[in-house]
C-alpha atoms as a PDB file:
ATOM      1  CA  MET A   1       2.407  17.627  26.093  1.00  0.00           C
ATOM      2  CA  ALA A   2       3.177  14.364  24.392  1.00  0.00           C
ATOM      3  CA  SER A   3       3.510  11.192  26.421  1.00  0.00           C
ATOM      4  CA  GLU A   4       5.393   7.958  25.867  1.00  0.00           C
ATOM      5  CA  LEU A   5       4.443   4.447  26.863  1.00  0.00           C
ATOM      6  CA  ARG A   6       7.297   1.878  26.917  1.00  0.00           C
ATOM      7  CA  VAL A   7       6.424  -1.836  27.045  1.00  0.00           C
ATOM      8  CA  ASN A   8       7.964  -5.080  25.888  1.00  0.00           C
ATOM      9  CA  THR A   9       4.867  -7.253  25.779  1.00  0.00           C
ATOM     10  CA  LEU A  10       1.191  -6.625  25.210  1.00  0.00           C
ATOM     11  CA  LYS A  11      -1.510  -8.838  26.854  1.00  0.00           C
ATOM     12  CA  ASP A  12      -5.255  -8.932  26.732  1.00  0.00           C
ATOM     13  CA  ALA A  13      -7.400  -7.671  29.669  1.00  0.00           C
ATOM     14  CA  SER A  14      -7.294 -11.055  31.437  1.00  0.00           C
ATOM     15  CA  GLY A  15      -3.455 -11.201  31.199  1.00  0.00           C
ATOM     16  CA  ASN A  16      -3.405 -13.866  28.509  1.00  0.00           C
ATOM     17  CA  ASN A  17      -2.652 -13.939  24.767  1.00  0.00           C
ATOM     18  CA  SER A  18       0.603 -11.968  24.925  1.00  0.00           C
ATOM     19  CA  VAL A  19       2.494 -10.685  21.911  1.00  0.00           C
ATOM     20  CA  GLY A  20       5.950  -8.958  21.893  1.00  0.00           C
ATOM     21  CA  LEU A  21       5.799  -5.343  20.849  1.00  0.00           C
ATOM     22  CA  SER A  22       8.505  -5.937  18.268  1.00  0.00           C
ATOM     23  CA  TYR A  23       6.020  -8.241  16.407  1.00  0.00           C
ATOM     24  CA  VAL A  24       3.449  -5.487  16.404  1.00  0.00           C
ATOM     25  CA  ALA A  25       5.841  -2.742  15.229  1.00  0.00           C
ATOM     26  CA  GLU A  26       7.765  -4.900  12.697  1.00  0.00           C
ATOM     27  CA  GLY A  27       4.788  -6.892  11.428  1.00  0.00           C
ATOM     28  CA  SER A  28       2.310  -4.033  10.819  1.00  0.00           C
ATOM     29  CA  ALA A  29       1.807  -2.516   7.382  1.00  0.00           C
ATOM     30  CA  LYS A  30       3.577   0.799   7.108  1.00  0.00           C
ATOM     31  CA  ALA A  31       1.135   1.975   4.424  1.00  0.00           C
ATOM     32  CA  TRP A  32      -1.989   0.670   2.702  1.00  0.00           C
ATOM     33  CA  TYR A  33      -4.375   1.999   0.094  1.00  0.00           C
ATOM     34  CA  VAL A  34      -7.404   1.459  -2.062  1.00  0.00           C
ATOM     35  CA  PHE A  35      -7.645   3.604  -5.144  1.00  0.00           C
ATOM     36  CA  ASP A  36     -10.153   3.935  -7.963  1.00  0.00           C
ATOM     37  CA  GLY A  37      -8.189   3.274 -11.125  1.00  0.00           C
ATOM     38  CA  GLY A  38     -10.589   5.293 -13.224  1.00  0.00           C
ATOM     39  CA  ARG A  39     -11.985   2.421 -15.311  1.00  0.00           C
ATOM     40  CA  THR A  40     -15.631   3.269 -14.616  1.00  0.00           C
ATOM     41  CA  SER A  41     -15.383   6.721 -13.010  1.00  0.00           C
ATOM     42  CA  GLY A  42     -12.847   8.196 -15.466  1.00  0.00           C
ATOM     43  CA  THR A  43     -10.788   9.638 -12.606  1.00  0.00           C
ATOM     44  CA  THR A  44      -7.998   7.903 -10.645  1.00  0.00           C
ATOM     45  CA  SER A  45      -8.373   8.808  -6.956  1.00  0.00           C
ATOM     46  CA  ILE A  46      -7.660   7.494  -3.509  1.00  0.00           C
ATOM     47  CA  GLU A  47     -10.678   5.909  -1.812  1.00  0.00           C
ATOM     48  CA  ASP A  48      -9.012   5.050   1.543  1.00  0.00           C
ATOM     49  CA  ASP A  49      -5.429   4.879   2.817  1.00  0.00           C
ATOM     50  CA  PHE A  50      -2.901   4.931   5.621  1.00  0.00           C
ATOM     51  CA  ASN A  51       0.418   6.790   5.252  1.00  0.00           C
ATOM     52  CA  ILE A  52      -0.316   7.912   1.615  1.00  0.00           C
ATOM     53  CA  ALA A  53      -0.001  11.664   1.038  1.00  0.00           C
ATOM     54  CA  SER A  54      -0.965  11.781  -2.634  1.00  0.00           C
ATOM     55  CA  LEU A  55      -1.570   9.898  -5.860  1.00  0.00           C
ATOM     56  CA  VAL A  56      -0.568  10.864  -9.426  1.00  0.00           C
ATOM     57  CA  ASP A  57      -2.186   9.293 -12.493  1.00  0.00           C
ATOM     58  CA  ASN A  58       0.744   8.923 -14.943  1.00  0.00           C
ATOM     59  CA  GLY A  59      -1.432   7.455 -17.734  1.00  0.00           C
ATOM     60  CA  THR A  60      -3.292   4.238 -18.476  1.00  0.00           C
ATOM     61  CA  GLY A  61      -2.661   1.719 -15.636  1.00  0.00           C
ATOM     62  CA  ASP A  62       0.314   3.728 -14.300  1.00  0.00           C
ATOM     63  CA  THR A  63      -0.068   5.362 -10.855  1.00  0.00           C
ATOM     64  CA  THR A  64       2.519   6.843  -8.440  1.00  0.00           C
ATOM     65  CA  LEU A  65       1.711   7.032  -4.710  1.00  0.00           C
ATOM     66  CA  THR A  66       3.672   9.278  -2.363  1.00  0.00           C
ATOM     67  CA  PHE A  67       4.121   8.284   1.295  1.00  0.00           C
ATOM     68  CA  THR A  68       3.280  10.676   4.132  1.00  0.00           C
ATOM     69  CA  ASN A  69       6.203   9.190   6.117  1.00  0.00           C
ATOM     70  CA  ASN A  70       9.081   7.832   4.019  1.00  0.00           C
ATOM     71  CA  MET A  71      10.436   4.375   4.045  1.00  0.00           C
ATOM     72  CA  ASN A  72      13.979   3.765   5.347  1.00  0.00           C
ATOM     73  CA  SER A  73      15.378   2.286   2.102  1.00  0.00           C
ATOM     74  CA  ALA A  74      14.108   1.981  -1.435  1.00  0.00           C
ATOM     75  CA  THR A  75      15.395  -1.597  -1.699  1.00  0.00           C
ATOM     76  CA  THR A  76      14.192  -3.178   1.558  1.00  0.00           C
ATOM     77  CA  TYR A  77      10.416  -2.653   1.621  1.00  0.00           C
ATOM     78  CA  THR A  78       7.789  -4.747  -0.153  1.00  0.00           C
ATOM     79  CA  VAL A  79       4.587  -3.746  -1.916  1.00  0.00           C
ATOM     80  CA  VAL A  80       1.771  -6.247  -2.456  1.00  0.00           C
ATOM     81  CA  ASN A  81      -1.032  -5.256  -4.870  1.00  0.00           C
ATOM     82  CA  SER A  82      -4.277  -6.825  -5.980  1.00  0.00           C
ATOM     83  CA  THR A  83      -6.960  -5.511  -8.360  1.00  0.00           C
ATOM     84  CA  PHE A  84     -10.620  -5.604  -9.007  1.00  0.00           C
ATOM     85  CA  ILE A  85     -12.116  -5.434 -12.454  1.00  0.00           C
ATOM     86  CA  THR A  86     -15.373  -6.909 -13.722  1.00  0.00           C
ATOM     87  CA  SER A  87     -14.038  -8.819 -16.699  1.00  0.00           C
ATOM     88  CA  ALA A  88     -13.074 -12.371 -17.535  1.00  0.00           C
ATOM     89  CA  SER A  89      -9.390 -11.659 -18.007  1.00  0.00           C
ATOM     90  CA  ALA A  90      -6.765 -12.389 -15.412  1.00  0.00           C
ATOM     91  CA  ASP A  91      -5.586  -8.876 -14.606  1.00  0.00           C
ATOM     92  CA  ILE A  92      -2.464  -8.163 -12.604  1.00  0.00           C
ATOM     93  CA  SER A  93      -0.989  -5.283 -10.583  1.00  0.00           C
ATOM     94  CA  GLY A  94       2.581  -4.758  -9.531  1.00  0.00           C
ATOM     95  CA  CYS A  95       5.058  -2.254  -8.147  1.00  0.00           C
ATOM     96  CA  ILE A  96       7.383  -1.229 -11.037  1.00  0.00           C
ATOM     97  CA  GLU A  97       9.425   1.474  -9.375  1.00  0.00           C
ATOM     98  CA  ARG A  98      10.068   2.561  -5.777  1.00  0.00           C
ATOM     99  CA  THR A  99      11.990   5.199  -3.892  1.00  0.00           C
ATOM    100  CA  THR A 100      11.960   5.968  -0.162  1.00  0.00           C
ATOM    101  CA  SER A 101       9.192   8.501  -0.754  1.00  0.00           C
ATOM    102  CA  THR A 102       7.151   6.975  -3.631  1.00  0.00           C
ATOM    103  CA  HIS A 103       6.242   3.810  -5.448  1.00  0.00           C
ATOM    104  CA  THR A 104       4.703   3.343  -8.860  1.00  0.00           C
ATOM    105  CA  VAL A 105       2.013   0.733  -9.572  1.00  0.00           C
ATOM    106  CA  GLN A 106       1.387  -0.736 -13.060  1.00  0.00           C
ATOM    107  CA  ASP A 107      -1.950  -2.404 -13.770  1.00  0.00           C
ATOM    108  CA  ASN A 108      -2.081  -4.732 -16.771  1.00  0.00           C
ATOM    109  CA  HIS A 109      -4.372  -7.206 -18.547  1.00  0.00           C
ATOM    110  CA  ASP A 110      -3.075 -10.799 -18.664  1.00  0.00           C
ATOM    111  CA  ASN A 111      -1.881 -10.082 -22.230  1.00  0.00           C
ATOM    112  CA  GLY A 112       0.539  -7.405 -20.907  1.00  0.00           C
ATOM    113  CA  SER A 113      -1.373  -4.337 -22.102  1.00  0.00           C
ATOM    114  CA  ALA A 114      -1.828  -1.546 -19.572  1.00  0.00           C
ATOM    115  CA  THR A 115      -5.306  -0.934 -18.297  1.00  0.00           C
ATOM    116  CA  ASP A 116      -7.097   1.187 -15.701  1.00  0.00           C
ATOM    117  CA  MET A 117      -8.684  -0.968 -12.998  1.00  0.00           C
ATOM    118  CA  GLU A 118     -11.865  -0.391 -11.114  1.00  0.00           C
ATOM    119  CA  ARG A 119      -9.927  -0.645  -7.872  1.00  0.00           C
ATOM    120  CA  THR A 120      -6.315  -1.384  -6.849  1.00  0.00           C
ATOM    121  CA  TYR A 121      -5.478  -2.434  -3.312  1.00  0.00           C
ATOM    122  CA  GLY A 122      -1.975  -2.357  -1.773  1.00  0.00           C
ATOM    123  CA  THR A 123       0.025  -2.809   1.400  1.00  0.00           C
ATOM    124  CA  VAL A 124       3.589  -1.789   2.148  1.00  0.00           C
ATOM    125  CA  HIS A 125       5.789  -3.562   4.660  1.00  0.00           C
ATOM    126  CA  GLY A 126       9.271  -2.512   5.779  1.00  0.00           C
ATOM    127  CA  ASP A 127      10.972   0.016   8.017  1.00  0.00           C
ATOM    128  CA  LEU A 128      10.017   3.647   8.203  1.00  0.00           C
ATOM    129  CA  ALA A 129      12.767   6.263   8.036  1.00  0.00           C
END
């Protein structure tokens, strides 16, 4: 049988350092991930995640991630990405397309050309459906 705990404020064991539950629920990442972009391994794959059901390699530097639990709206959630690659260039990663159930990440060199990264990291903030 499932149980439910209803609270307005969380406090530490000594009764100090309180935080409203709305800050915990609204401020927490709704998904996060680390994936191997295939640069050194040759295979794009999830290394660790929360609320990511699957990953599809669409081609060089182009990866679509599917949520386990969908977002409420395709226009009101944010995706923040960063990358790791052992080179001297200033490589970038960004979300280029999003729906309530997926978002697509594009990894590029600073000159704009698509590239597979060694690792791409991301967090998603917003409301779940």
